């Protein structure tokens, strides 16, 4: 009974964090200029517009529709999500893309694997894909970061293609580290992006291996 109660309490906490994150990101999207929507995000090949469209895909597509899209992509999940993101980014206004997040703040969607923590990770990381790429100074609340950092596992790294071999991630603003090897220092939210396979703009990390995780500058 105690474990069940604790688990329900944890789930309630994560659901509240998800709802808050979606509402905050919707407000942020509403504040972007037209040119910012067309800027490259940290997601390879996706502008801010495609990232925003992808974030609400799980709310807008029914299970049968998702399965049809997956079949059309010959079972390749990444191909399917890329095609849907590009299609929906072109089909919907920026106002609508922001509203999808706000109106579905309490939607129970979760990814196929990972449950509620993965749903929170989906929102937080894609939000950072936007804000970090645009140079916006948004700080994800500590309680949300801790939920996600505590869930980092080898399986997380494998799924997102993150190569942290020989590296220890060391947060400078939280008591958190992961891995073993030569230390790489950065903010907790920047290190979370590394665990999700992202490359960061130059100057955000410290340590000898930092260049391994730096993405090329966006071309003008």
N, C-alpha and C. Protein backbone atom coordinates (compact mmCIF):
# COMPACT_ATOMS: atom_id res chain seq x y z
N UNK A 1 0.83 -1.20 0.00
CA UNK A 1 0.00 0.00 0.00
C UNK A 1 0.87 1.26 0.00
N UNK A 2 1.92 1.24 0.80
CA UNK A 2 2.80 2.41 0.88
C UNK A 2 3.48 2.67 -0.46
N UNK A 3 3.94 1.60 -1.12
CA UNK A 3 4.58 1.77 -2.42
C UNK A 3 3.59 2.28 -3.46
N UNK A 4 2.36 1.78 -3.41
CA UNK A 4 1.33 2.23 -4.34
C UNK A 4 1.01 3.70 -4.14
N UNK A 5 0.91 4.10 -2.88
CA UNK A 5 0.62 5.51 -2.56
C UNK A 5 1.76 6.40 -3.03
N UNK A 6 2.98 5.96 -2.79
CA UNK A 6 4.14 6.74 -3.21
C UNK A 6 4.20 6.86 -4.73
N UNK A 7 3.87 5.78 -5.41
CA UNK A 7 3.90 5.79 -6.88
C UNK A 7 2.83 6.74 -7.43
N UNK A 8 1.64 6.72 -6.82
CA UNK A 8 0.58 7.63 -7.26
C UNK A 8 0.99 9.07 -7.02
N UNK A 9 1.63 9.32 -5.88
CA UNK A 9 2.09 10.68 -5.59
C UNK A 9 3.13 11.14 -6.58
N UNK A 10 4.05 10.24 -6.96
CA UNK A 10 5.07 10.56 -7.95
C UNK A 10 4.45 10.84 -9.30
N UNK A 11 3.49 10.02 -9.70
CA UNK A 11 2.82 10.23 -10.98
C UNK A 11 2.09 11.57 -11.02
N UNK A 12 1.46 11.92 -9.91
CA UNK A 12 0.77 13.21 -9.83
C UNK A 12 1.76 14.36 -9.99
N UNK A 13 2.93 14.21 -9.38
CA UNK A 13 3.97 15.23 -9.49
C UNK A 13 4.45 15.38 -10.94
N UNK A 14 4.66 14.26 -11.60
CA UNK A 14 5.16 14.31 -12.99
C UNK A 14 4.08 14.88 -13.91
N UNK A 15 2.83 14.49 -13.71
CA UNK A 15 1.75 15.03 -14.55
C UNK A 15 1.65 16.55 -14.40
N UNK A 16 1.80 17.03 -13.18
CA UNK A 16 1.76 18.48 -12.95
C UNK A 16 2.94 19.17 -13.64
N UNK A 17 4.11 18.52 -13.61
CA UNK A 17 5.28 19.09 -14.27
C UNK A 17 5.08 19.14 -15.78
N UNK A 18 4.48 18.10 -16.35
CA UNK A 18 4.21 18.06 -17.79
C UNK A 18 3.27 19.20 -18.18
N UNK A 19 2.19 19.35 -17.43
CA UNK A 19 1.21 20.39 -17.75
C UNK A 19 1.84 21.78 -17.67
N UNK A 20 2.63 22.02 -16.63
CA UNK A 20 3.28 23.32 -16.47
C UNK A 20 4.26 23.58 -17.61
N UNK A 21 5.02 22.56 -17.98
CA UNK A 21 6.00 22.72 -19.06
C UNK A 21 5.30 23.06 -20.38
N UNK A 22 4.22 22.39 -20.68
CA UNK A 22 3.51 22.66 -21.94
C UNK A 22 2.94 24.07 -21.96
N UNK A 23 2.37 24.52 -20.86
CA UNK A 23 1.80 25.87 -20.82
C UNK A 23 2.91 26.92 -20.97
N UNK A 24 4.02 26.71 -20.29
CA UNK A 24 5.12 27.67 -20.38
C UNK A 24 5.70 27.71 -21.79
N UNK A 25 5.84 26.54 -22.42
CA UNK A 25 6.38 26.51 -23.77
C UNK A 25 5.40 27.12 -24.77
N UNK A 26 4.11 26.94 -24.55
CA UNK A 26 3.12 27.58 -25.43
C UNK A 26 3.25 29.09 -25.34
N UNK A 27 3.40 29.62 -24.14
CA UNK A 27 3.59 31.07 -23.97
C UNK A 27 4.86 31.52 -24.67
N UNK A 28 5.91 30.73 -24.55
CA UNK A 28 7.17 31.09 -25.19
C UNK A 28 7.01 31.10 -26.71
N UNK A 29 6.35 30.08 -27.27
CA UNK A 29 6.15 30.03 -28.71
C UNK A 29 5.35 31.24 -29.19
N UNK A 30 4.37 31.64 -28.41
CA UNK A 30 3.58 32.81 -28.79
C UNK A 30 4.41 34.08 -28.84
N UNK A 31 5.53 34.10 -28.12
CA UNK A 31 6.37 35.31 -28.06
C UNK A 31 7.41 35.37 -29.17
N UNK A 32 7.55 34.29 -29.96
CA UNK A 32 8.61 34.27 -30.98
C UNK A 32 8.26 35.15 -32.17
N UNK A 33 9.29 35.73 -32.75
CA UNK A 33 9.14 36.49 -33.99
C UNK A 33 9.00 35.53 -35.18
N UNK A 34 8.53 36.03 -36.27
CA UNK A 34 8.34 35.19 -37.46
C UNK A 34 9.67 34.59 -37.92
N UNK A 35 10.75 35.36 -37.86
CA UNK A 35 12.03 34.83 -38.33
C UNK A 35 12.57 33.74 -37.42
N UNK A 36 12.22 33.79 -36.14
CA UNK A 36 12.69 32.76 -35.20
C UNK A 36 12.03 31.41 -35.49
N UNK A 37 10.81 31.43 -35.95
CA UNK A 37 10.13 30.18 -36.29
C UNK A 37 10.83 29.46 -37.44
N UNK A 38 11.55 30.19 -38.26
CA UNK A 38 12.25 29.59 -39.39
C UNK A 38 13.69 29.25 -39.12
N UNK A 39 14.15 29.45 -37.89
CA UNK A 39 15.55 29.16 -37.54
C UNK A 39 15.74 27.68 -37.28
N UNK A 40 16.97 27.21 -37.50
CA UNK A 40 17.33 25.82 -37.24
C UNK A 40 17.30 25.55 -35.73
N UNK A 41 16.72 24.42 -35.34
CA UNK A 41 16.71 24.00 -33.94
C UNK A 41 17.91 23.08 -33.69
N UNK A 42 17.99 22.51 -32.50
CA UNK A 42 19.02 21.51 -32.22
C UNK A 42 18.69 20.16 -32.84
N UNK A 43 17.45 19.98 -33.28
CA UNK A 43 17.06 18.73 -33.96
C UNK A 43 17.55 18.80 -35.41
N UNK A 44 18.37 17.87 -35.78
CA UNK A 44 18.95 17.90 -37.13
C UNK A 44 17.86 17.94 -38.19
N UNK A 45 17.94 18.93 -39.07
CA UNK A 45 17.01 19.04 -40.18
C UNK A 45 15.68 19.69 -39.86
N UNK A 46 15.45 20.02 -38.61
CA UNK A 46 14.17 20.64 -38.22
C UNK A 46 14.37 22.07 -37.79
N UNK A 47 13.52 22.94 -38.33
CA UNK A 47 13.44 24.30 -37.83
C UNK A 47 12.61 24.31 -36.54
N UNK A 48 12.53 25.46 -35.92
CA UNK A 48 11.68 25.61 -34.74
C UNK A 48 10.26 25.19 -35.08
N UNK A 49 9.79 25.53 -36.26
CA UNK A 49 8.43 25.21 -36.68
C UNK A 49 8.17 23.70 -36.67
N UNK A 50 9.11 22.92 -37.19
CA UNK A 50 8.93 21.46 -37.21
C UNK A 50 8.95 20.86 -35.81
N UNK A 51 9.82 21.39 -34.95
CA UNK A 51 9.87 20.90 -33.58
C UNK A 51 8.54 21.15 -32.88
N UNK A 52 8.01 22.35 -33.03
CA UNK A 52 6.73 22.68 -32.39
C UNK A 52 5.62 21.79 -32.92
N UNK A 53 5.60 21.53 -34.22
CA UNK A 53 4.58 20.64 -34.78
C UNK A 53 4.72 19.23 -34.22
N UNK A 54 5.95 18.75 -34.12
CA UNK A 54 6.18 17.40 -33.62
C UNK A 54 5.74 17.25 -32.16
N UNK A 55 5.92 18.30 -31.36
CA UNK A 55 5.62 18.20 -29.94
C UNK A 55 4.15 17.87 -29.68
N UNK A 56 3.27 18.26 -30.58
CA UNK A 56 1.84 18.02 -30.36
C UNK A 56 1.30 16.85 -31.19
N UNK A 57 2.17 16.14 -31.89
CA UNK A 57 1.72 15.06 -32.74
C UNK A 57 0.92 14.01 -31.96
N UNK A 58 1.38 13.67 -30.78
CA UNK A 58 0.72 12.64 -29.98
C UNK A 58 -0.68 13.02 -29.53
N UNK A 59 -0.96 14.33 -29.47
CA UNK A 59 -2.30 14.78 -29.08
C UNK A 59 -3.25 14.75 -30.27
N UNK A 60 -2.71 15.02 -31.43
CA UNK A 60 -3.55 15.26 -32.61
C UNK A 60 -3.81 14.01 -33.44
N UNK A 61 -2.93 13.04 -33.37
CA UNK A 61 -3.09 11.82 -34.16
C UNK A 61 -3.65 10.69 -33.29
N UNK A 62 -4.74 10.12 -33.74
CA UNK A 62 -5.28 8.95 -33.05
C UNK A 62 -4.34 7.77 -33.26
N UNK A 63 -4.55 6.72 -32.49
CA UNK A 63 -3.72 5.53 -32.65
C UNK A 63 -3.84 4.95 -34.06
N UNK A 64 -5.07 4.80 -34.61
CA UNK A 64 -5.15 4.29 -35.99
C UNK A 64 -4.43 5.17 -36.99
N UNK A 65 -4.53 6.50 -36.82
CA UNK A 65 -3.85 7.41 -37.74
C UNK A 65 -2.34 7.28 -37.61
N UNK A 66 -1.87 7.11 -36.39
CA UNK A 66 -0.43 6.94 -36.16
C UNK A 66 0.05 5.66 -36.82
N UNK A 67 -0.71 4.60 -36.68
CA UNK A 67 -0.33 3.32 -37.29
C UNK A 67 -0.32 3.41 -38.81
N UNK A 68 -1.27 4.17 -39.37
CA UNK A 68 -1.27 4.35 -40.83
C UNK A 68 -0.04 5.11 -41.28
N UNK A 69 0.33 6.14 -40.53
CA UNK A 69 1.53 6.91 -40.86
C UNK A 69 2.78 6.04 -40.75
N UNK A 70 2.81 5.19 -39.74
CA UNK A 70 3.96 4.32 -39.55
C UNK A 70 4.05 3.30 -40.68
N UNK A 71 2.92 2.79 -41.11
CA UNK A 71 2.91 1.84 -42.23
C UNK A 71 3.39 2.52 -43.51
N UNK A 72 2.96 3.76 -43.72
CA UNK A 72 3.38 4.50 -44.91
C UNK A 72 4.89 4.75 -44.90
N UNK A 73 5.47 4.81 -43.70
CA UNK A 73 6.92 5.00 -43.56
C UNK A 73 7.66 3.67 -43.49
N UNK A 74 6.95 2.58 -43.83
CA UNK A 74 7.52 1.23 -43.84
C UNK A 74 8.10 0.84 -42.48
N UNK A 75 7.39 1.26 -41.44
CA UNK A 75 7.76 0.86 -40.09
C UNK A 75 8.89 1.64 -39.47
N UNK A 76 9.41 2.64 -40.16
CA UNK A 76 10.53 3.43 -39.64
C UNK A 76 9.97 4.61 -38.86
N UNK A 77 10.13 4.55 -37.51
CA UNK A 77 9.55 5.58 -36.65
C UNK A 77 10.13 6.96 -36.94
N UNK A 78 11.44 7.03 -37.15
CA UNK A 78 12.07 8.34 -37.37
C UNK A 78 11.60 8.94 -38.70
N UNK A 79 11.47 8.08 -39.72
CA UNK A 79 10.97 8.58 -41.01
C UNK A 79 9.54 9.09 -40.87
N UNK A 80 8.74 8.35 -40.10
CA UNK A 80 7.35 8.74 -39.91
C UNK A 80 7.24 10.08 -39.18
N UNK A 81 7.96 10.23 -38.07
CA UNK A 81 7.85 11.48 -37.31
C UNK A 81 8.39 12.67 -38.11
N UNK A 82 9.41 12.44 -38.91
CA UNK A 82 9.95 13.52 -39.73
C UNK A 82 8.93 13.97 -40.76
N UNK A 83 8.30 13.03 -41.44
CA UNK A 83 7.32 13.37 -42.47
C UNK A 83 6.12 14.10 -41.87
N UNK A 84 5.62 13.60 -40.74
CA UNK A 84 4.46 14.23 -40.11
C UNK A 84 4.81 15.63 -39.61
N UNK A 85 6.00 15.80 -39.03
CA UNK A 85 6.40 17.11 -38.53
C UNK A 85 6.48 18.13 -39.67
N UNK A 86 7.06 17.73 -40.78
CA UNK A 86 7.18 18.65 -41.92
C UNK A 86 5.81 18.99 -42.51
N UNK A 87 4.96 17.98 -42.62
CA UNK A 87 3.61 18.21 -43.15
C UNK A 87 2.81 19.14 -42.26
N UNK A 88 2.84 18.87 -40.95
CA UNK A 88 2.02 19.65 -40.03
C UNK A 88 2.59 21.05 -39.80
N UNK A 89 3.90 21.18 -39.88
CA UNK A 89 4.51 22.51 -39.75
C UNK A 89 4.06 23.42 -40.89
N UNK A 90 3.87 22.83 -42.05
CA UNK A 90 3.41 23.61 -43.20
C UNK A 90 1.92 23.87 -43.16
N UNK A 91 1.17 22.98 -42.53
CA UNK A 91 -0.29 23.05 -42.57
C UNK A 91 -0.88 23.99 -41.52
N UNK A 92 -0.15 24.22 -40.41
CA UNK A 92 -0.73 24.97 -39.29
C UNK A 92 0.02 26.28 -39.06
N UNK A 93 -0.72 27.28 -38.62
CA UNK A 93 -0.11 28.57 -38.29
C UNK A 93 0.70 28.46 -37.01
N UNK A 94 1.56 29.43 -36.77
CA UNK A 94 2.34 29.43 -35.54
C UNK A 94 1.43 29.58 -34.32
N UNK A 95 0.37 30.34 -34.48
CA UNK A 95 -0.59 30.49 -33.38
C UNK A 95 -1.22 29.15 -33.03
N UNK A 96 -1.58 28.39 -34.06
CA UNK A 96 -2.18 27.08 -33.82
C UNK A 96 -1.19 26.12 -33.19
N UNK A 97 0.06 26.14 -33.63
CA UNK A 97 1.07 25.24 -33.08
C UNK A 97 1.28 25.49 -31.59
N UNK A 98 1.27 26.74 -31.19
CA UNK A 98 1.39 27.06 -29.76
C UNK A 98 0.13 26.62 -29.01
N UNK A 99 -1.03 26.85 -29.62
CA UNK A 99 -2.29 26.51 -28.96
C UNK A 99 -2.43 25.00 -28.75
N UNK A 100 -1.90 24.19 -29.67
CA UNK A 100 -1.97 22.74 -29.49
C UNK A 100 -1.34 22.33 -28.16
N UNK A 101 -0.23 22.94 -27.82
CA UNK A 101 0.43 22.62 -26.55
C UNK A 101 -0.39 23.10 -25.36
N UNK A 102 -0.83 24.34 -25.43
CA UNK A 102 -1.58 24.91 -24.30
C UNK A 102 -2.90 24.16 -24.08
N UNK A 103 -3.61 23.90 -25.15
CA UNK A 103 -4.93 23.27 -25.02
C UNK A 103 -4.83 21.80 -24.59
N UNK A 104 -3.65 21.21 -24.75
CA UNK A 104 -3.46 19.81 -24.37
C UNK A 104 -2.48 19.65 -23.21
N UNK A 105 -2.42 20.67 -22.38
CA UNK A 105 -1.47 20.63 -21.26
C UNK A 105 -1.69 19.42 -20.37
N UNK A 106 -2.93 19.01 -20.22
CA UNK A 106 -3.25 17.88 -19.34
C UNK A 106 -3.53 16.60 -20.11
N UNK A 107 -3.17 16.57 -21.38
CA UNK A 107 -3.41 15.37 -22.19
C UNK A 107 -2.58 14.20 -21.64
N UNK A 108 -3.15 13.00 -21.55
CA UNK A 108 -2.44 11.86 -20.93
C UNK A 108 -1.44 11.15 -21.84
N UNK A 109 -1.19 11.68 -23.05
CA UNK A 109 -0.28 11.00 -23.98
C UNK A 109 1.08 10.72 -23.35
N UNK A 110 1.61 9.52 -23.64
CA UNK A 110 2.99 9.18 -23.30
C UNK A 110 3.61 8.48 -24.50
N UNK A 111 4.94 8.55 -24.65
CA UNK A 111 5.59 7.83 -25.75
C UNK A 111 5.41 6.32 -25.58
N UNK A 112 5.68 5.56 -26.64
CA UNK A 112 5.51 4.10 -26.56
C UNK A 112 6.33 3.45 -25.46
N UNK A 113 7.47 4.06 -25.11
CA UNK A 113 8.34 3.51 -24.07
C UNK A 113 8.69 4.64 -23.10
N UNK A 114 8.66 4.32 -21.81
CA UNK A 114 9.17 5.29 -20.83
C UNK A 114 8.14 5.94 -19.95
N UNK A 115 6.86 5.84 -20.30
CA UNK A 115 5.81 6.35 -19.43
C UNK A 115 5.84 7.86 -19.24
N UNK A 116 5.41 8.30 -18.05
CA UNK A 116 5.26 9.73 -17.78
C UNK A 116 6.58 10.47 -17.82
N UNK A 117 7.64 9.86 -17.29
CA UNK A 117 8.94 10.53 -17.31
C UNK A 117 9.38 10.79 -18.75
N UNK A 118 9.11 9.85 -19.64
CA UNK A 118 9.46 10.04 -21.05
C UNK A 118 8.63 11.15 -21.68
N UNK A 119 7.36 11.27 -21.27
CA UNK A 119 6.52 12.36 -21.78
C UNK A 119 7.07 13.70 -21.34
N UNK A 120 7.49 13.80 -20.09
CA UNK A 120 8.11 15.03 -19.60
C UNK A 120 9.41 15.31 -20.36
N UNK A 121 10.20 14.27 -20.57
CA UNK A 121 11.44 14.43 -21.31
C UNK A 121 11.20 14.92 -22.71
N UNK A 122 10.17 14.40 -23.35
CA UNK A 122 9.80 14.82 -24.71
C UNK A 122 9.55 16.32 -24.75
N UNK A 123 8.80 16.82 -23.79
CA UNK A 123 8.48 18.25 -23.76
C UNK A 123 9.69 19.10 -23.40
N UNK A 124 10.38 18.71 -22.35
CA UNK A 124 11.52 19.51 -21.89
C UNK A 124 12.62 19.57 -22.93
N UNK A 125 13.00 18.43 -23.47
CA UNK A 125 14.13 18.39 -24.41
C UNK A 125 13.78 19.11 -25.70
N UNK A 126 12.58 18.91 -26.21
CA UNK A 126 12.22 19.63 -27.44
C UNK A 126 12.09 21.13 -27.17
N UNK A 127 11.66 21.50 -25.98
CA UNK A 127 11.65 22.92 -25.63
C UNK A 127 13.06 23.49 -25.65
N UNK A 128 14.01 22.74 -25.11
CA UNK A 128 15.41 23.17 -25.13
C UNK A 128 15.99 23.16 -26.54
N UNK A 129 15.52 22.23 -27.38
CA UNK A 129 15.93 22.24 -28.78
C UNK A 129 15.65 23.60 -29.41
N UNK A 130 14.58 24.22 -28.97
CA UNK A 130 14.18 25.53 -29.50
C UNK A 130 14.94 26.66 -28.80
N UNK A 131 14.87 26.69 -27.47
CA UNK A 131 15.41 27.85 -26.75
C UNK A 131 16.92 27.95 -26.83
N UNK A 132 17.61 26.82 -26.74
CA UNK A 132 19.07 26.85 -26.82
C UNK A 132 19.51 27.28 -28.22
N UNK A 133 18.86 26.73 -29.24
CA UNK A 133 19.22 27.10 -30.61
C UNK A 133 18.99 28.59 -30.87
N UNK A 134 17.95 29.15 -30.26
CA UNK A 134 17.64 30.57 -30.46
C UNK A 134 18.40 31.48 -29.51
N UNK A 135 19.16 30.89 -28.58
CA UNK A 135 19.90 31.70 -27.62
C UNK A 135 19.02 32.35 -26.57
N UNK A 136 17.86 31.75 -26.28
CA UNK A 136 16.95 32.28 -25.27
C UNK A 136 17.33 31.76 -23.89
N UNK A 137 17.27 32.62 -22.92
CA UNK A 137 17.75 32.27 -21.57
C UNK A 137 16.60 31.70 -20.74
N UNK A 138 16.13 30.52 -21.12
CA UNK A 138 15.08 29.85 -20.34
C UNK A 138 15.69 28.77 -19.48
N UNK A 139 15.32 28.78 -18.21
CA UNK A 139 15.83 27.79 -17.27
C UNK A 139 14.70 26.84 -16.87
N UNK A 140 14.87 25.58 -17.18
CA UNK A 140 13.88 24.58 -16.78
C UNK A 140 13.92 24.43 -15.26
N UNK A 141 12.79 24.46 -14.59
CA UNK A 141 12.78 24.33 -13.13
C UNK A 141 13.51 23.06 -12.65
N UNK A 142 14.18 23.20 -11.53
CA UNK A 142 15.04 22.13 -11.01
C UNK A 142 14.27 20.83 -10.80
N UNK A 143 13.04 20.91 -10.29
CA UNK A 143 12.33 19.67 -9.99
C UNK A 143 12.05 18.87 -11.27
N UNK A 144 11.84 19.54 -12.38
CA UNK A 144 11.63 18.84 -13.65
C UNK A 144 12.94 18.23 -14.14
N UNK A 145 14.01 18.98 -14.02
CA UNK A 145 15.30 18.45 -14.46
C UNK A 145 15.68 17.21 -13.66
N UNK A 146 15.44 17.24 -12.36
CA UNK A 146 15.84 16.10 -11.52
C UNK A 146 15.08 14.83 -11.89
N UNK A 147 13.81 14.97 -12.22
CA UNK A 147 13.04 13.80 -12.66
C UNK A 147 13.71 13.16 -13.87
N UNK A 148 14.14 13.99 -14.81
CA UNK A 148 14.73 13.49 -16.05
C UNK A 148 16.16 13.02 -15.88
N UNK A 149 16.94 13.75 -15.11
CA UNK A 149 18.33 13.34 -14.89
C UNK A 149 18.40 12.02 -14.13
N UNK A 150 17.49 11.84 -13.19
CA UNK A 150 17.47 10.59 -12.42
C UNK A 150 17.07 9.40 -13.29
N UNK A 151 16.44 9.68 -14.44
CA UNK A 151 15.98 8.61 -15.33
C UNK A 151 16.98 8.30 -16.44
N UNK A 152 18.11 9.00 -16.49
CA UNK A 152 19.11 8.72 -17.53
C UNK A 152 19.73 7.36 -17.29
N UNK A 153 19.68 6.50 -18.28
CA UNK A 153 20.20 5.14 -18.21
C UNK A 153 20.92 4.83 -19.52
N UNK A 154 21.69 3.74 -19.57
CA UNK A 154 22.30 3.36 -20.84
C UNK A 154 21.29 3.21 -21.97
N UNK A 155 20.09 2.73 -21.64
CA UNK A 155 19.06 2.61 -22.67
C UNK A 155 18.64 3.96 -23.24
N UNK A 156 18.64 5.00 -22.39
CA UNK A 156 18.33 6.35 -22.86
C UNK A 156 19.35 6.79 -23.89
N UNK A 157 20.62 6.59 -23.55
CA UNK A 157 21.69 7.00 -24.45
C UNK A 157 21.61 6.25 -25.78
N UNK A 158 21.33 4.96 -25.71
CA UNK A 158 21.27 4.15 -26.94
C UNK A 158 20.12 4.60 -27.82
N UNK A 159 18.95 4.84 -27.23
CA UNK A 159 17.78 5.21 -28.02
C UNK A 159 18.01 6.52 -28.76
N UNK A 160 18.68 7.47 -28.10
CA UNK A 160 18.89 8.79 -28.71
C UNK A 160 20.24 8.92 -29.41
N UNK A 161 20.99 7.83 -29.47
CA UNK A 161 22.26 7.87 -30.18
C UNK A 161 23.32 8.73 -29.52
N UNK A 162 23.29 8.81 -28.20
CA UNK A 162 24.27 9.62 -27.46
C UNK A 162 25.51 8.80 -27.16
N UNK A 163 26.66 9.26 -27.59
CA UNK A 163 27.92 8.57 -27.35
C UNK A 163 28.66 9.26 -26.21
N UNK A 164 28.57 8.69 -25.02
CA UNK A 164 29.23 9.25 -23.84
C UNK A 164 30.36 8.36 -23.35
N UNK A 165 30.87 7.50 -24.20
CA UNK A 165 31.95 6.61 -23.82
C UNK A 165 33.17 7.42 -23.37
N UNK A 166 33.69 7.06 -22.19
CA UNK A 166 34.89 7.71 -21.68
C UNK A 166 34.66 9.10 -21.13
N UNK A 167 33.39 9.44 -20.89
CA UNK A 167 33.06 10.80 -20.45
C UNK A 167 32.20 10.74 -19.20
N UNK A 168 32.46 11.65 -18.28
CA UNK A 168 31.61 11.82 -17.11
C UNK A 168 30.96 13.19 -17.18
N UNK A 169 29.63 13.21 -17.22
CA UNK A 169 28.90 14.47 -17.21
C UNK A 169 28.82 15.00 -15.79
N UNK A 170 29.20 16.25 -15.59
CA UNK A 170 29.23 16.85 -14.26
C UNK A 170 28.48 18.17 -14.29
N UNK A 171 27.33 18.22 -13.61
CA UNK A 171 26.54 19.45 -13.59
C UNK A 171 27.19 20.48 -12.68
N UNK A 172 27.20 21.72 -13.14
CA UNK A 172 27.78 22.81 -12.36
C UNK A 172 26.76 23.49 -11.45
N UNK A 173 25.48 23.29 -11.73
CA UNK A 173 24.44 23.99 -10.97
C UNK A 173 23.59 23.06 -10.12
N UNK A 174 23.77 21.75 -10.26
CA UNK A 174 23.08 20.76 -9.44
C UNK A 174 24.07 19.69 -9.00
N UNK A 175 23.73 18.99 -7.92
CA UNK A 175 24.56 17.87 -7.47
C UNK A 175 24.18 16.64 -8.29
N UNK A 176 24.77 16.53 -9.48
CA UNK A 176 24.45 15.42 -10.37
C UNK A 176 25.62 15.15 -11.29
N UNK A 177 25.88 13.87 -11.51
CA UNK A 177 26.86 13.46 -12.50
C UNK A 177 26.45 12.11 -13.06
N UNK A 178 27.03 11.78 -14.21
CA UNK A 178 26.69 10.52 -14.84
C UNK A 178 27.86 10.05 -15.68
N UNK A 179 28.13 8.73 -15.62
CA UNK A 179 29.18 8.14 -16.45
C UNK A 179 30.52 8.11 -15.74
N UNK A 180 31.53 7.70 -16.48
CA UNK A 180 32.88 7.63 -15.93
C UNK A 180 33.87 7.98 -17.03
N UNK A 181 34.92 8.68 -16.63
CA UNK A 181 35.93 9.08 -17.59
C UNK A 181 36.29 10.54 -17.42
N UNK A 182 36.69 11.18 -18.51
CA UNK A 182 37.10 12.57 -18.48
C UNK A 182 35.87 13.45 -18.28
N UNK A 183 35.91 14.38 -17.31
CA UNK A 183 34.71 15.17 -17.03
C UNK A 183 34.40 16.22 -18.09
N UNK A 184 33.11 16.38 -18.32
CA UNK A 184 32.58 17.48 -19.11
C UNK A 184 31.63 18.25 -18.20
N UNK A 185 31.87 19.55 -18.07
CA UNK A 185 31.09 20.38 -17.15
C UNK A 185 30.12 21.26 -17.94
N UNK A 186 28.94 21.45 -17.36
CA UNK A 186 27.95 22.33 -17.97
C UNK A 186 26.75 22.43 -17.06
N UNK A 187 25.77 23.21 -17.45
CA UNK A 187 24.54 23.27 -16.67
C UNK A 187 23.81 21.93 -16.79
N UNK A 188 22.97 21.66 -15.82
CA UNK A 188 22.24 20.38 -15.82
C UNK A 188 21.40 20.24 -17.08
N UNK A 189 20.75 21.31 -17.51
CA UNK A 189 19.89 21.17 -18.68
C UNK A 189 20.70 21.00 -19.96
N UNK A 190 21.89 21.56 -20.03
CA UNK A 190 22.74 21.31 -21.19
C UNK A 190 23.25 19.87 -21.20
N UNK A 191 23.57 19.35 -20.03
CA UNK A 191 24.04 17.96 -19.97
C UNK A 191 22.89 16.98 -20.28
N UNK A 192 21.68 17.36 -19.90
CA UNK A 192 20.53 16.54 -20.26
C UNK A 192 20.42 16.44 -21.78
N UNK A 193 20.68 17.53 -22.47
CA UNK A 193 20.65 17.50 -23.94
C UNK A 193 21.70 16.55 -24.50
N UNK A 194 22.86 16.49 -23.88
CA UNK A 194 23.88 15.54 -24.34
C UNK A 194 23.38 14.11 -24.19
N UNK A 195 22.70 13.82 -23.08
CA UNK A 195 22.18 12.47 -22.85
C UNK A 195 21.09 12.11 -23.86
N UNK A 196 20.47 13.13 -24.44
CA UNK A 196 19.45 12.91 -25.46
C UNK A 196 20.03 13.08 -26.87
N UNK A 197 21.33 13.01 -26.99
CA UNK A 197 21.98 12.96 -28.29
C UNK A 197 22.13 14.27 -29.02
N UNK A 198 21.95 15.39 -28.33
CA UNK A 198 22.06 16.69 -28.98
C UNK A 198 23.50 17.21 -28.96
N UNK A 199 23.82 18.03 -29.97
CA UNK A 199 25.05 18.81 -29.96
C UNK A 199 24.70 20.22 -29.55
N UNK A 200 25.62 20.90 -28.85
CA UNK A 200 25.34 22.22 -28.31
C UNK A 200 26.15 23.29 -29.03
N UNK A 201 25.68 24.53 -28.99
CA UNK A 201 26.48 25.62 -29.53
C UNK A 201 27.80 25.74 -28.77
N UNK A 202 28.79 26.24 -29.44
CA UNK A 202 30.12 26.39 -28.84
C UNK A 202 30.05 27.29 -27.60
N UNK A 203 30.87 26.96 -26.60
CA UNK A 203 31.01 27.80 -25.42
C UNK A 203 30.11 27.44 -24.26
N UNK A 204 29.27 26.43 -24.41
CA UNK A 204 28.35 26.07 -23.33
C UNK A 204 28.90 24.99 -22.40
N UNK A 205 29.97 24.32 -22.81
CA UNK A 205 30.55 23.22 -22.04
C UNK A 205 32.00 23.50 -21.72
N UNK A 206 32.47 22.88 -20.65
CA UNK A 206 33.89 22.95 -20.29
C UNK A 206 34.44 21.54 -20.13
N UNK A 207 35.73 21.40 -20.39
CA UNK A 207 36.38 20.10 -20.26
C UNK A 207 36.99 19.67 -21.58
N UNK A 208 38.00 18.82 -21.49
CA UNK A 208 38.74 18.41 -22.68
C UNK A 208 37.86 17.81 -23.78
N UNK A 209 36.85 16.99 -23.46
CA UNK A 209 36.03 16.39 -24.54
C UNK A 209 34.91 17.30 -25.05
N UNK A 210 34.86 18.57 -24.61
CA UNK A 210 33.70 19.42 -24.92
C UNK A 210 33.45 19.52 -26.42
N UNK A 211 34.51 19.56 -27.21
CA UNK A 211 34.34 19.71 -28.66
C UNK A 211 33.59 18.54 -29.30
N UNK A 212 33.61 17.39 -28.63
CA UNK A 212 32.85 16.23 -29.15
C UNK A 212 31.36 16.52 -29.22
N UNK A 213 30.90 17.43 -28.40
CA UNK A 213 29.47 17.65 -28.25
C UNK A 213 29.04 19.03 -28.74
N UNK A 214 29.87 19.64 -29.56
CA UNK A 214 29.57 20.96 -30.11
C UNK A 214 29.06 20.82 -31.53
N UNK A 215 27.94 21.44 -31.81
CA UNK A 215 27.35 21.36 -33.15
C UNK A 215 27.93 22.46 -34.02
N UNK A 216 28.00 22.24 -35.32
CA UNK A 216 28.48 23.29 -36.23
C UNK A 216 27.57 24.52 -36.16
N UNK A 217 28.17 25.67 -36.33
CA UNK A 217 27.38 26.90 -36.33
C UNK A 217 26.40 26.88 -37.49
N UNK A 218 25.21 27.46 -37.26
CA UNK A 218 24.20 27.53 -38.31
C UNK A 218 24.69 28.40 -39.44
N UNK A 219 24.48 27.93 -40.66
CA UNK A 219 24.90 28.70 -41.83
C UNK A 219 23.90 29.84 -42.07
N UNK A 220 24.44 30.98 -42.48
CA UNK A 220 23.58 32.13 -42.74
C UNK A 220 22.76 31.91 -44.00
